[in-house]
C-alpha atoms as a PDB file:
ATOM      1  CA  MET A   1       5.179  -7.571 -14.315  1.00  0.00           C
ATOM      2  CA  SER A   2       5.886  -4.405 -15.966  1.00  0.00           C
ATOM      3  CA  ASP A   3       4.972  -0.608 -14.737  1.00  0.00           C
ATOM      4  CA  VAL A   4       2.097  -0.882 -17.726  1.00  0.00           C
ATOM      5  CA  SER A   5      -0.536  -3.779 -18.107  1.00  0.00           C
ATOM      6  CA  THR A   6      -3.341  -4.749 -19.060  1.00  0.00           C
ATOM      7  CA  VAL A   7      -5.853  -4.975 -16.602  1.00  0.00           C
ATOM      8  CA  ALA A   8      -9.646  -5.642 -16.352  1.00  0.00           C
ATOM      9  CA  VAL A   9     -11.848  -4.040 -13.928  1.00  0.00           C
ATOM     10  CA  LEU A  10     -15.120  -5.927 -12.923  1.00  0.00           C
ATOM     11  CA  GLY A  11     -17.700  -3.355 -11.817  1.00  0.00           C
ATOM     12  CA  ALA A  12     -18.434  -0.172 -12.961  1.00  0.00           C
ATOM     13  CA  GLY A  13     -20.164   1.217  -9.916  1.00  0.00           C
ATOM     14  CA  ALA A  14     -18.565   4.575  -8.732  1.00  0.00           C
ATOM     15  CA  LEU A  15     -15.167   3.020  -7.513  1.00  0.00           C
ATOM     16  CA  GLY A  16     -14.990   0.451 -10.114  1.00  0.00           C
ATOM     17  CA  THR A  17     -15.534   3.513 -12.892  1.00  0.00           C
ATOM     18  CA  ALA A  18     -13.053   5.771 -10.913  1.00  0.00           C
ATOM     19  CA  MET A  19     -10.485   2.943 -10.453  1.00  0.00           C
ATOM     20  CA  ALA A  20     -10.822   2.279 -14.471  1.00  0.00           C
ATOM     21  CA  THR A  21     -10.819   5.694 -15.680  1.00  0.00           C
ATOM     22  CA  ARG A  22      -7.642   6.241 -12.915  1.00  0.00           C
ATOM     23  CA  LEU A  23      -5.749   3.283 -14.588  1.00  0.00           C
ATOM     24  CA  GLY A  24      -6.096   4.353 -18.174  1.00  0.00           C
ATOM     25  CA  GLY A  25      -5.220   8.137 -17.641  1.00  0.00           C
ATOM     26  CA  THR A  26      -1.811   6.590 -15.931  1.00  0.00           C
ATOM     27  CA  GLY A  27      -0.785   4.307 -19.104  1.00  0.00           C
ATOM     28  CA  HIS A  28      -2.367   0.954 -18.411  1.00  0.00           C
ATOM     29  CA  GLN A  29      -4.868  -0.622 -21.268  1.00  0.00           C
ATOM     30  CA  VAL A  30      -8.360  -1.152 -18.856  1.00  0.00           C
ATOM     31  CA  ARG A  31     -10.836  -3.351 -19.954  1.00  0.00           C
ATOM     32  CA  LEU A  32     -14.292  -2.559 -17.870  1.00  0.00           C
ATOM     33  CA  TRP A  33     -17.044  -4.826 -17.367  1.00  0.00           C
ATOM     34  CA  ASN A  34     -20.249  -4.611 -15.545  1.00  0.00           C
ATOM     35  CA  ARG A  35     -23.678  -7.169 -15.575  1.00  0.00           C
ATOM     36  CA  THR A  36     -25.388  -3.611 -17.140  1.00  0.00           C
ATOM     37  CA  GLU A  37     -23.411  -3.644 -19.968  1.00  0.00           C
ATOM     38  CA  GLU A  38     -24.618   0.345 -20.735  1.00  0.00           C
ATOM     39  CA  ARG A  39     -23.300   1.227 -17.419  1.00  0.00           C
ATOM     40  CA  ALA A  40     -19.497   0.254 -18.746  1.00  0.00           C
ATOM     41  CA  ARG A  41     -19.873   2.353 -21.951  1.00  0.00           C
ATOM     42  CA  ALA A  42     -20.889   5.102 -20.631  1.00  0.00           C
ATOM     43  CA  ALA A  43     -18.025   5.055 -18.119  1.00  0.00           C
ATOM     44  CA  ALA A  44     -15.384   4.473 -20.520  1.00  0.00           C
ATOM     45  CA  GLU A  45     -17.005   6.864 -23.298  1.00  0.00           C
ATOM     46  CA  HIS A  46     -14.735   9.679 -21.933  1.00  0.00           C
ATOM     47  CA  ALA A  47     -11.933   7.768 -20.318  1.00  0.00           C
ATOM     48  CA  PRO A  48      -8.741   7.742 -22.235  1.00  0.00           C
ATOM     49  CA  GLY A  49      -7.365   3.655 -22.072  1.00  0.00           C
ATOM     50  CA  VAL A  50     -10.348   2.112 -21.130  1.00  0.00           C
ATOM     51  CA  THR A  51     -12.572   0.494 -23.030  1.00  0.00           C
ATOM     52  CA  ALA A  52     -15.841  -1.474 -22.019  1.00  0.00           C
ATOM     53  CA  VAL A  53     -16.387  -4.750 -22.811  1.00  0.00           C
ATOM     54  CA  GLY A  54     -19.880  -6.889 -22.928  1.00  0.00           C
ATOM     55  CA  GLY A  55     -18.171 -10.533 -22.345  1.00  0.00           C
ATOM     56  CA  LEU A  56     -16.706 -11.842 -18.687  1.00  0.00           C
ATOM     57  CA  GLY A  57     -14.854 -14.173 -20.150  1.00  0.00           C
ATOM     58  CA  ASP A  58     -12.896 -11.722 -22.817  1.00  0.00           C
ATOM     59  CA  ALA A  59     -12.796  -8.964 -19.749  1.00  0.00           C
ATOM     60  CA  VAL A  60     -10.243 -10.979 -17.573  1.00  0.00           C
ATOM     61  CA  SER A  61      -8.538 -13.271 -20.710  1.00  0.00           C
ATOM     62  CA  GLY A  62      -5.537 -11.637 -20.821  1.00  0.00           C
ATOM     63  CA  ALA A  63      -5.148  -9.438 -18.366  1.00  0.00           C
ATOM     64  CA  SER A  64      -2.106  -9.559 -15.835  1.00  0.00           C
ATOM     65  CA  VAL A  65      -4.798  -7.889 -12.903  1.00  0.00           C
ATOM     66  CA  VAL A  66      -7.966  -8.474 -12.426  1.00  0.00           C
ATOM     67  CA  ILE A  67     -10.278  -5.989  -9.766  1.00  0.00           C
ATOM     68  CA  THR A  68     -13.058  -6.632  -8.479  1.00  0.00           C
ATOM     69  CA  VAL A  69     -15.152  -4.130  -7.039  1.00  0.00           C
ATOM     70  CA  LEU A  70     -18.755  -5.593  -6.911  1.00  0.00           C
ATOM     71  CA  ARG A  71     -21.409  -4.757  -4.603  1.00  0.00           C
ATOM     72  CA  ASP A  72     -21.181  -7.436  -1.822  1.00  0.00           C
ATOM     73  CA  GLY A  73     -19.518 -11.449  -1.568  1.00  0.00           C
ATOM     74  CA  GLU A  74     -22.268 -12.498  -3.225  1.00  0.00           C
ATOM     75  CA  ALA A  75     -22.063 -10.764  -6.277  1.00  0.00           C
ATOM     76  CA  VAL A  76     -18.014 -11.225  -6.512  1.00  0.00           C
ATOM     77  CA  ALA A  77     -18.708 -15.117  -5.852  1.00  0.00           C
ATOM     78  CA  GLU A  78     -21.309 -15.214  -8.826  1.00  0.00           C
ATOM     79  CA  VAL A  79     -19.390 -13.198 -11.078  1.00  0.00           C
ATOM     80  CA  MET A  80     -15.855 -14.746 -10.305  1.00  0.00           C
ATOM     81  CA  SER A  81     -17.868 -18.640 -10.836  1.00  0.00           C
ATOM     82  CA  ASP A  82     -18.258 -17.687 -14.437  1.00  0.00           C
ATOM     83  CA  ALA A  83     -15.099 -15.647 -14.776  1.00  0.00           C
ATOM     84  CA  ILE A  84     -12.216 -17.497 -12.710  1.00  0.00           C
ATOM     85  CA  ALA A  85     -11.142 -20.160 -15.352  1.00  0.00           C
ATOM     86  CA  ARG A  86     -10.770 -17.378 -18.137  1.00  0.00           C
ATOM     87  CA  LEU A  87      -8.029 -15.902 -15.793  1.00  0.00           C
ATOM     88  CA  ASP A  88      -4.148 -16.685 -17.147  1.00  0.00           C
ATOM     89  CA  ASP A  89      -2.115 -18.616 -15.394  1.00  0.00           C
ATOM     90  CA  ASP A  90      -0.057 -15.428 -14.176  1.00  0.00           C
ATOM     91  CA  ALA A  91      -2.996 -13.320 -13.718  1.00  0.00           C
ATOM     92  CA  VAL A  92      -3.556 -11.543 -10.067  1.00  0.00           C
ATOM     93  CA  TRP A  93      -7.126 -11.184  -8.761  1.00  0.00           C
ATOM     94  CA  VAL A  94      -7.303  -8.328  -6.596  1.00  0.00           C
ATOM     95  CA  GLN A  95     -10.500  -8.563  -4.227  1.00  0.00           C
ATOM     96  CA  ALA A  96     -11.370  -5.077  -3.669  1.00  0.00           C
ATOM     97  CA  SER A  97     -14.666  -5.092  -2.834  1.00  0.00           C
ATOM     98  CA  THR A  98     -15.730  -5.175   0.667  1.00  0.00           C
ATOM     99  CA  VAL A  99     -16.914  -7.841   1.471  1.00  0.00           C
ATOM    100  CA  GLY A 100     -16.261  -8.776   5.214  1.00  0.00           C
ATOM    101  CA  PRO A 101     -13.757 -11.801   6.488  1.00  0.00           C
ATOM    102  CA  ARG A 102     -16.019 -14.187   5.922  1.00  0.00           C
ATOM    103  CA  HIS A 103     -17.071 -13.884   2.635  1.00  0.00           C
ATOM    104  CA  ALA A 104     -13.147 -12.765   1.652  1.00  0.00           C
ATOM    105  CA  SER A 105     -12.533 -16.241   2.992  1.00  0.00           C
ATOM    106  CA  ALA A 106     -14.714 -17.983   1.020  1.00  0.00           C
ATOM    107  CA  LEU A 107     -13.340 -16.215  -2.008  1.00  0.00           C
ATOM    108  CA  ALA A 108      -9.802 -16.303  -1.342  1.00  0.00           C
ATOM    109  CA  GLY A 109     -10.541 -20.983  -1.031  1.00  0.00           C
ATOM    110  CA  MET A 110     -12.293 -20.466  -4.624  1.00  0.00           C
ATOM    111  CA  ALA A 111      -9.189 -18.791  -6.009  1.00  0.00           C
ATOM    112  CA  ARG A 112      -7.076 -21.350  -4.422  1.00  0.00           C
ATOM    113  CA  ASP A 113      -9.450 -24.404  -5.624  1.00  0.00           C
ATOM    114  CA  HIS A 114      -8.613 -22.802  -9.403  1.00  0.00           C
ATOM    115  CA  GLY A 115      -5.173 -21.973  -8.975  1.00  0.00           C
ATOM    116  CA  VAL A 116      -5.255 -18.095  -9.244  1.00  0.00           C
ATOM    117  CA  ALA A 117      -3.235 -15.417  -7.145  1.00  0.00           C
ATOM    118  CA  TYR A 118      -5.235 -14.024  -4.860  1.00  0.00           C
ATOM    119  CA  LEU A 119      -5.580 -10.908  -2.651  1.00  0.00           C
ATOM    120  CA  ASP A 120      -7.947  -9.551  -0.353  1.00  0.00           C
ATOM    121  CA  ALA A 121      -7.609  -6.171  -1.122  1.00  0.00           C
ATOM    122  CA  PRO A 122     -10.106  -3.401  -0.284  1.00  0.00           C
ATOM    123  CA  VAL A 123      -9.868   0.148  -0.229  1.00  0.00           C
ATOM    124  CA  SER A 124     -10.301   3.349   2.151  1.00  0.00           C
ATOM    125  CA  GLY A 125     -11.136   6.090   0.465  1.00  0.00           C
ATOM    126  CA  SER A 126     -13.691   6.366  -2.549  1.00  0.00           C
ATOM    127  CA  THR A 127     -14.325   7.638  -5.636  1.00  0.00           C
ATOM    128  CA  THR A 128     -12.162  11.184  -5.509  1.00  0.00           C
ATOM    129  CA  PRO A 129      -9.157   9.571  -3.951  1.00  0.00           C
ATOM    130  CA  ALA A 130      -9.369   6.936  -6.970  1.00  0.00           C
ATOM    131  CA  ARG A 131      -9.651   8.885  -9.291  1.00  0.00           C
ATOM    132  CA  GLU A 132      -6.673  11.129  -7.874  1.00  0.00           C
ATOM    133  CA  GLY A 133      -4.372   7.637  -6.925  1.00  0.00           C
ATOM    134  CA  LYS A 134      -4.941   8.706  -3.258  1.00  0.00           C
ATOM    135  CA  LEU A 135      -6.642   5.494  -1.892  1.00  0.00           C
ATOM    136  CA  VAL A 136      -5.089   3.344   0.901  1.00  0.00           C
ATOM    137  CA  TRP A 137      -4.940  -0.282  -0.165  1.00  0.00           C
ATOM    138  CA  LEU A 138      -5.622  -2.670   2.806  1.00  0.00           C
ATOM    139  CA  VAL A 139      -3.954  -5.614   1.298  1.00  0.00           C
ATOM    140  CA  ALA A 140      -3.787  -9.384   2.822  1.00  0.00           C
ATOM    141  CA  GLY A 141      -2.263 -11.771   0.925  1.00  0.00           C
ATOM    142  CA  PRO A 142       1.261 -13.523  -0.458  1.00  0.00           C
ATOM    143  CA  GLU A 143       3.796 -10.882  -0.223  1.00  0.00           C
ATOM    144  CA  ASP A 144       5.422 -12.289  -3.358  1.00  0.00           C
ATOM    145  CA  VAL A 145       1.586 -11.878  -5.354  1.00  0.00           C
ATOM    146  CA  LEU A 146       1.296  -8.504  -3.963  1.00  0.00           C
ATOM    147  CA  ALA A 147       4.677  -7.701  -5.660  1.00  0.00           C
ATOM    148  CA  ARG A 148       3.355  -8.743  -8.824  1.00  0.00           C
ATOM    149  CA  ALA A 149      -0.393  -6.652  -8.336  1.00  0.00           C
ATOM    150  CA  ARG A 150       2.175  -3.646  -6.813  1.00  0.00           C
ATOM    151  CA  PRO A 151       2.588  -1.372 -10.056  1.00  0.00           C
ATOM    152  CA  VAL A 152      -1.005  -1.328 -10.604  1.00  0.00           C
ATOM    153  CA  LEU A 153      -1.858  -0.615  -7.019  1.00  0.00           C
ATOM    154  CA  ASP A 154       0.740   1.894  -6.360  1.00  0.00           C
ATOM    155  CA  HIS A 155      -1.007   3.927  -9.717  1.00  0.00           C
ATOM    156  CA  LEU A 156      -4.458   4.014  -7.879  1.00  0.00           C
ATOM    157  CA  GLY A 157      -3.135   4.506  -4.122  1.00  0.00           C
ATOM    158  CA  SER A 158      -1.197   6.534  -2.280  1.00  0.00           C
ATOM    159  CA  SER A 159      -0.461   3.456   0.319  1.00  0.00           C
ATOM    160  CA  VAL A 160      -0.432  -0.017   0.118  1.00  0.00           C
ATOM    161  CA  LEU A 161      -0.384  -1.485   3.706  1.00  0.00           C
ATOM    162  CA  HIS A 162       0.242  -5.305   4.013  1.00  0.00           C
ATOM    163  CA  VAL A 163      -1.739  -6.233   6.895  1.00  0.00           C
ATOM    164  CA  GLY A 164      -1.905 -10.249   6.716  1.00  0.00           C
ATOM    165  CA  ARG A 165      -1.824 -13.353   4.714  1.00  0.00           C
ATOM    166  CA  GLY A 166      -5.585 -14.169   4.795  1.00  0.00           C
ATOM    167  CA  SER A 167      -8.559 -11.904   4.776  1.00  0.00           C
ATOM    168  CA  GLU A 168      -7.354  -9.449   7.474  1.00  0.00           C
ATOM    169  CA  GLY A 169      -7.728  -6.780   4.754  1.00  0.00           C
ATOM    170  CA  SER A 170     -11.543  -7.481   4.692  1.00  0.00           C
ATOM    171  CA  ALA A 171     -11.769  -7.296   8.653  1.00  0.00           C
ATOM    172  CA  VAL A 172      -9.353  -3.844   9.011  1.00  0.00           C
ATOM    173  CA  LYS A 173     -12.107  -2.262   6.309  1.00  0.00           C
ATOM    174  CA  LEU A 174     -15.187  -3.311   8.387  1.00  0.00           C
ATOM    175  CA  ALA A 175     -13.457  -1.452  11.426  1.00  0.00           C
ATOM    176  CA  VAL A 176     -11.981   1.246   9.265  1.00  0.00           C
ATOM    177  CA  ASN A 177     -15.475   1.858   8.102  1.00  0.00           C
ATOM    178  CA  ALA A 178     -17.561   1.963  11.390  1.00  0.00           C
ATOM    179  CA  TRP A 179     -14.922   4.238  12.593  1.00  0.00           C
ATOM    180  CA  MET A 180     -16.140   6.549   9.693  1.00  0.00           C
ATOM    181  CA  ALA A 181     -19.528   6.063  10.109  1.00  0.00           C
ATOM    182  CA  ALA A 182     -19.211   6.715  13.875  1.00  0.00           C
ATOM    183  CA  SER A 183     -17.633   9.851  14.156  1.00  0.00           C
ATOM    184  CA  THR A 184     -20.125  10.969  11.211  1.00  0.00           C
ATOM    185  CA  VAL A 185     -23.080  10.491  13.458  1.00  0.00           C
ATOM    186  CA  ALA A 186     -21.144  12.247  16.194  1.00  0.00           C
ATOM    187  CA  MET A 187     -20.373  15.234  14.045  1.00  0.00           C
ATOM    188  CA  SER A 188     -24.148  15.097  13.387  1.00  0.00           C
ATOM    189  CA  ASP A 189     -24.797  14.985  16.951  1.00  0.00           C
ATOM    190  CA  VAL A 190     -22.245  17.550  18.205  1.00  0.00           C
ATOM    191  CA  LEU A 191     -23.429  20.062  15.549  1.00  0.00           C
ATOM    192  CA  ALA A 192     -26.628  19.414  17.539  1.00  0.00           C
ATOM    193  CA  LEU A 193     -25.299  19.986  20.676  1.00  0.00           C
ATOM    194  CA  CYS A 194     -23.307  23.655  19.228  1.00  0.00           C
ATOM    195  CA  ASP A 195     -26.868  25.070  18.547  1.00  0.00           C
ATOM    196  CA  ALA A 196     -28.502  24.240  21.805  1.00  0.00           C
ATOM    197  CA  LEU A 197     -25.423  25.990  23.292  1.00  0.00           C
ATOM    198  CA  GLY A 198     -25.293  28.384  21.034  1.00  0.00           C
ATOM    199  CA  VAL A 199     -21.728  27.777  19.791  1.00  0.00           C
ATOM    200  CA  ASP A 200     -21.294  28.929  16.006  1.00  0.00           C
ATOM    201  CA  HIS A 201     -20.064  26.095  13.938  1.00  0.00           C
ATOM    202  CA  ALA A 202     -17.130  27.829  12.267  1.00  0.00           C
ATOM    203  CA  THR A 203     -15.523  28.743  15.787  1.00  0.00           C
ATOM    204  CA  PHE A 204     -16.021  24.983  16.767  1.00  0.00           C
ATOM    205  CA  VAL A 205     -14.360  24.044  13.617  1.00  0.00           C
ATOM    206  CA  ARG A 206     -11.730  26.595  14.593  1.00  0.00           C
ATOM    207  CA  VAL A 207     -11.004  25.279  17.409  1.00  0.00           C
ATOM    208  CA  LEU A 208     -10.789  21.520  16.563  1.00  0.00           C
ATOM    209  CA  GLU A 209      -8.149  22.811  13.597  1.00  0.00           C
ATOM    210  CA  ALA A 210      -5.817  24.557  16.127  1.00  0.00           C
ATOM    211  CA  GLY A 211      -5.219  21.030  18.047  1.00  0.00           C
ATOM    212  CA  PRO A 212      -4.952  17.506  18.027  1.00  0.00           C
ATOM    213  CA  LEU A 213      -8.506  16.814  17.562  1.00  0.00           C
ATOM    214  CA  ALA A 214      -9.195  17.448  14.263  1.00  0.00           C
ATOM    215  CA  MET A 215     -10.441  14.874  11.636  1.00  0.00           C
ATOM    216  CA  PRO A 216     -10.499  16.267   8.426  1.00  0.00           C
ATOM    217  CA  TYR A 217     -12.981  13.835   7.053  1.00  0.00           C
ATOM    218  CA  GLU A 218     -15.282  14.974   9.313  1.00  0.00           C
ATOM    219  CA  LEU A 219     -14.601  18.654   9.389  1.00  0.00           C
ATOM    220  CA  GLN A 220     -15.239  18.782   5.779  1.00  0.00           C
ATOM    221  CA  LYS A 221     -18.784  17.240   6.417  1.00  0.00           C
ATOM    222  CA  VAL A 222     -19.727  20.310   8.642  1.00  0.00           C
ATOM    223  CA  SER A 223     -20.624  22.353   5.577  1.00  0.00           C
ATOM    224  CA  VAL A 224     -21.913  19.272   4.011  1.00  0.00           C
ATOM    225  CA  MET A 225     -24.043  18.969   7.326  1.00  0.00           C
ATOM    226  CA  ASP A 226     -25.155  22.787   7.257  1.00  0.00           C
ATOM    227  CA  ASN A 227     -26.224  22.995   3.873  1.00  0.00           C
ATOM    228  CA  ALA A 228     -28.138  19.942   3.806  1.00  0.00           C
ATOM    229  CA  SER A 229     -26.040  19.085   0.086  1.00  0.00           C
ATOM    230  CA  TYR A 230     -25.603  15.167   0.463  1.00  0.00           C
ATOM    231  CA  ALA A 231     -24.017  14.542  -3.332  1.00  0.00           C
ATOM    232  CA  PRO A 232     -23.064  10.849  -3.261  1.00  0.00           C
ATOM    233  CA  GLY A 233     -19.817  10.177  -1.658  1.00  0.00           C
ATOM    234  CA  PHE A 234     -20.032   7.381   0.590  1.00  0.00           C
ATOM    235  CA  ALA A 235     -23.564   6.346   0.418  1.00  0.00           C
ATOM    236  CA  VAL A 236     -25.369   5.405   3.618  1.00  0.00           C
ATOM    237  CA  ARG A 237     -26.583   2.152   2.149  1.00  0.00           C
ATOM    238  CA  LEU A 238     -22.780   1.252   1.800  1.00  0.00           C
ATOM    239  CA  ALA A 239     -22.128   2.137   5.536  1.00  0.00           C
ATOM    240  CA  LEU A 240     -25.133   0.216   6.536  1.00  0.00           C
ATOM    241  CA  LYS A 241     -24.145  -2.631   5.109  1.00  0.00           C
ATOM    242  CA  ASP A 242     -20.718  -2.626   6.649  1.00  0.00           C
ATOM    243  CA  ILE A 243     -22.304  -2.296   9.978  1.00  0.00           C
ATOM    244  CA  GLU A 244     -23.937  -5.430   8.929  1.00  0.00           C
ATOM    245  CA  LEU A 245     -21.063  -6.677   7.659  1.00  0.00           C
ATOM    246  CA  ALA A 246     -19.471  -6.210  11.195  1.00  0.00           C
ATOM    247  CA  ALA A 247     -22.160  -7.531  12.918  1.00  0.00           C
ATOM    248  CA  ALA A 248     -22.382 -10.905  11.338  1.00  0.00           C
ATOM    249  CA  SER A 249     -18.442 -11.232  12.498  1.00  0.00           C
ATOM    250  CA  ALA A 250     -19.139  -9.923  15.930  1.00  0.00           C
ATOM    251  CA  ALA A 251     -21.104  -8.636  18.452  1.00  0.00           C
ATOM    252  CA  LEU A 252     -21.511  -5.135  18.011  1.00  0.00           C
ATOM    253  CA  SER A 253     -21.146  -2.431  20.998  1.00  0.00           C
ATOM    254  CA  PRO A 254     -24.072  -0.022  22.118  1.00  0.00           C
ATOM    255  CA  LEU A 255     -22.297   2.816  20.205  1.00  0.00           C
ATOM    256  CA  LEU A 256     -22.053   0.600  17.193  1.00  0.00           C
ATOM    257  CA  GLN A 257     -25.765  -0.778  17.614  1.00  0.00           C
ATOM    258  CA  SER A 258     -26.836   3.139  17.903  1.00  0.00           C
ATOM    259  CA  VAL A 259     -24.828   4.206  14.532  1.00  0.00           C
ATOM    260  CA  ARG A 260     -26.350   0.673  12.491  1.00  0.00           C
ATOM    261  CA  ASP A 261     -29.745   2.136  13.628  1.00  0.00           C
ATOM    262  CA  ARG A 262     -29.068   5.665  12.721  1.00  0.00           C
ATOM    263  CA  LEU A 263     -27.926   4.568   9.153  1.00  0.00           C
ATOM    264  CA  ALA A 264     -31.007   2.398   9.086  1.00  0.00           C
ATOM    265  CA  ALA A 265     -33.294   5.422  10.060  1.00  0.00           C
ATOM    266  CA  THR A 266     -31.699   7.757   7.537  1.00  0.00           C
ATOM    267  CA  ALA A 267     -32.060   4.970   4.641  1.00  0.00           C
ATOM    268  CA  ALA A 268     -36.097   4.572   5.431  1.00  0.00           C
ATOM    269  CA  ALA A 269     -35.742   8.148   4.880  1.00  0.00           C
ATOM    270  CA  GLY A 270     -35.028   8.130   1.541  1.00  0.00           C
ATOM    271  CA  HIS A 271     -31.448   9.051   1.998  1.00  0.00           C
ATOM    272  CA  ASP A 272     -29.902   5.458   1.286  1.00  0.00           C
ATOM    273  CA  SER A 273     -27.849   6.453  -1.756  1.00  0.00           C
ATOM    274  CA  ASP A 274     -26.803  10.142  -0.023  1.00  0.00           C
ATOM    275  CA  ASP A 275     -23.912  10.551   1.415  1.00  0.00           C
ATOM    276  CA  LEU A 276     -22.822   9.401   4.885  1.00  0.00           C
ATOM    277  CA  ALA A 277     -23.290  13.037   6.382  1.00  0.00           C
ATOM    278  CA  ALA A 278     -27.131  12.299   5.519  1.00  0.00           C
ATOM    279  CA  VAL A 279     -27.412  11.170   8.895  1.00  0.00           C
ATOM    280  CA  ASP A 280     -27.852  14.426   9.800  1.00  0.00           C
ATOM    281  CA  PHE A 281     -31.208  15.369   8.486  1.00  0.00           C
ATOM    282  CA  LEU A 282     -33.036  15.668  11.107  1.00  0.00           C
ATOM    283  CA  ARG A 283     -31.045  18.370  12.557  1.00  0.00           C
ATOM    284  CA  GLN A 284     -32.088  22.120  11.530  1.00  0.00           C
ATOM    285  CA  PRO A 285     -29.239  23.856  10.812  1.00  0.00           C
ATOM    286  CA  PRO A 286     -29.024  27.244  11.871  1.00  0.00           C
ATOM    287  CA  SER A 287     -30.519  30.536   9.632  1.00  0.00           C
END
């Protein structure tokens, strides 16, 4: 496979759109498809190299890489059950949706039944890293299949980590997102503790930055939480979905059960589409 190729991106949500835009900007010919066609058209309008395609079969036919970036495992299965027969013999299906290992295994079985090369390849990172080509790929699948998709993955990510040959990518993704959600809830709670102790948040951040406990992702949440500016990055509803996927595969610890409850309460309060930082909505920031 050459460094420049025809890529189909199925799903014009925030991440799918960011991926398509990045790939179009790095020379690939991108076909962007969405079940709501108007959404794909709007996303492609100002994205060089990206064409919105109305027909699912037209989107995938002739594409060397097909990336699914859809809501959940059921959505991926429904879409690909219609599309998979139209994939070229040498195409690689990169399954980048967060679906959990059970769905990932079922989708791998679908690919195997149709003789399609398949990678279980969710990403760590959201829209901004996708636009900048700084996603971290968590890839499971045969090494030769990964090599064929690698030019596309490299244009989207700063790291391509080969973590196994089955559904390990989806398993690792759930662990990563559980850590992200738990650490965000912890940051909100510790800011509440700072408020109770009279500790200035800037001082708290400065101390963390001076030592090994700094976590850039969470440090940037401090100002977001203090300003209650929860512009969507990684939405609360998606974090809750991923915790539920984890619960379907393994018993949650008391800590993760508490995180799930916090996410559910935040979503119920109307913040389901807001950034994960909205778990801080009950805390009153210092004046």
